[in-house]
Each structure stands twice: as structure tokens, then as C-alpha cells.
Amino acid sequence: MTEYTIVIEEAGTNLAGYVIGLDGVITTGNTVDQVIENMREAIPFHLEGMGLHGDQRPRALPIVKTIQIAS
């Protein structure tokens, strides 16, 4: 099992999500849970397409950290 980090942002009338380190995978939804569920379908679909086109999966996924800065 591989873990992917997704970013979910407000996109006007809905939410949009994308995958860090896996270009081209985006999805939308009305709720965070809906975006996550859509991602669970979009990522394998995208990876399958990459395989069909002979593209290699990214080997090293980026490390994402959240830091706090005094304001």
C-alpha cells in the first residue's frame, strides 16, 4: 500500500483536491469526504493510465510537514 498526500482547497462553489508528487490527478466535491472518496478512485485510475502509456510511477514521494510561525 502506498500513501499519497492530497491537498484540498476551496474552489468557489465546491472543493478541489490534487495529489502532491503525482501530477495530473485532480478531483472536486462538495465536501472534504467526497473529495477524498473521489481521490480514492482517481489515483488508481491515473496510475493505470500511466502504466498503459509506459510512464513510471514516482519513486520518491515528497515529504510534507506543517510548521508554525509566530505571528
Protein backbone atom coordinates (compact mmCIF):
# COMPACT_ATOMS: atom_id res chain seq x y z
CA MET A 1 0.00 0.00 0.00
CA THR A 2 1.29 3.46 -0.90
CA GLU A 3 0.33 6.65 0.88
CA TYR A 4 -0.35 9.78 -1.13
CA THR A 5 -0.66 13.28 0.27
CA ILE A 6 -3.57 15.27 -1.08
CA VAL A 7 -4.33 18.97 -0.77
CA ILE A 8 -7.94 20.12 -0.61
CA GLU A 9 -8.78 23.76 -1.25
CA GLU A 10 -11.90 25.84 -1.64
CA ALA A 11 -12.71 26.35 -5.30
CA GLY A 12 -15.59 28.75 -5.44
CA THR A 13 -18.78 26.72 -5.18
CA ASN A 14 -17.08 23.44 -4.25
CA LEU A 15 -13.77 21.94 -3.11
CA ALA A 16 -10.89 20.81 -5.30
CA GLY A 17 -8.14 18.36 -4.48
CA TYR A 18 -4.83 17.41 -6.00
CA VAL A 19 -2.05 14.95 -5.21
CA ILE A 20 1.39 16.17 -4.17
CA GLY A 21 4.05 14.44 -6.27
CA LEU A 22 1.61 12.91 -8.73
CA ASP A 23 0.94 15.50 -11.41
CA GLY A 24 -2.35 15.42 -13.24
CA VAL A 25 -4.56 13.93 -10.54
CA ILE A 26 -7.30 16.35 -9.55
CA THR A 27 -10.87 15.99 -8.37
CA THR A 28 -13.67 18.04 -6.92
CA GLY A 29 -16.50 17.55 -4.48
CA ASN A 30 -18.97 19.32 -2.26
CA THR A 31 -17.39 18.05 0.98
CA VAL A 32 -13.94 17.01 2.17
CA ASP A 33 -15.15 13.41 2.45
CA GLN A 34 -16.43 13.50 -1.11
CA VAL A 35 -13.10 14.80 -2.43
CA ILE A 36 -11.26 12.07 -0.50
CA GLU A 37 -13.57 9.37 -1.88
CA ASN A 38 -13.13 10.73 -5.41
CA MET A 39 -9.34 10.67 -4.90
CA ARG A 40 -9.51 7.02 -3.89
CA GLU A 41 -10.91 6.36 -7.38
CA ALA A 42 -8.84 8.92 -9.32
CA ILE A 43 -5.38 7.85 -8.12
CA PRO A 44 -5.57 4.19 -9.20
CA PHE A 45 -7.19 5.25 -12.49
CA HIS A 46 -4.35 7.70 -13.13
CA LEU A 47 -1.67 5.15 -12.21
CA GLU A 48 -3.25 2.60 -14.55
CA GLY A 49 -3.16 5.15 -17.36
CA MET A 50 0.48 5.92 -16.62
CA GLY A 51 1.26 2.21 -16.91
CA LEU A 52 -0.56 1.93 -20.22
CA HIS A 53 1.49 4.83 -21.60
CA GLY A 54 4.77 3.45 -20.30
CA ASP A 55 5.21 6.21 -17.72
CA GLN A 56 6.92 5.31 -14.48
CA ARG A 57 5.34 5.98 -11.11
CA PRO A 58 7.18 8.49 -9.00
CA ARG A 59 9.70 6.62 -6.85
CA ALA A 60 10.14 9.04 -4.01
CA LEU A 61 7.13 10.97 -2.86
CA PRO A 62 7.77 14.36 -1.27
CA ILE A 63 7.80 14.77 2.48
CA VAL A 64 5.24 17.30 3.60
CA LYS A 65 5.42 18.96 7.01
CA THR A 66 3.33 21.65 8.64
CA ILE A 67 5.27 24.21 10.61
CA GLN A 68 4.16 27.00 12.91
CA ILE A 69 5.44 30.56 12.61
CA ALA A 70 4.83 33.16 15.30
CA SER A 71 2.56 35.90 14.03
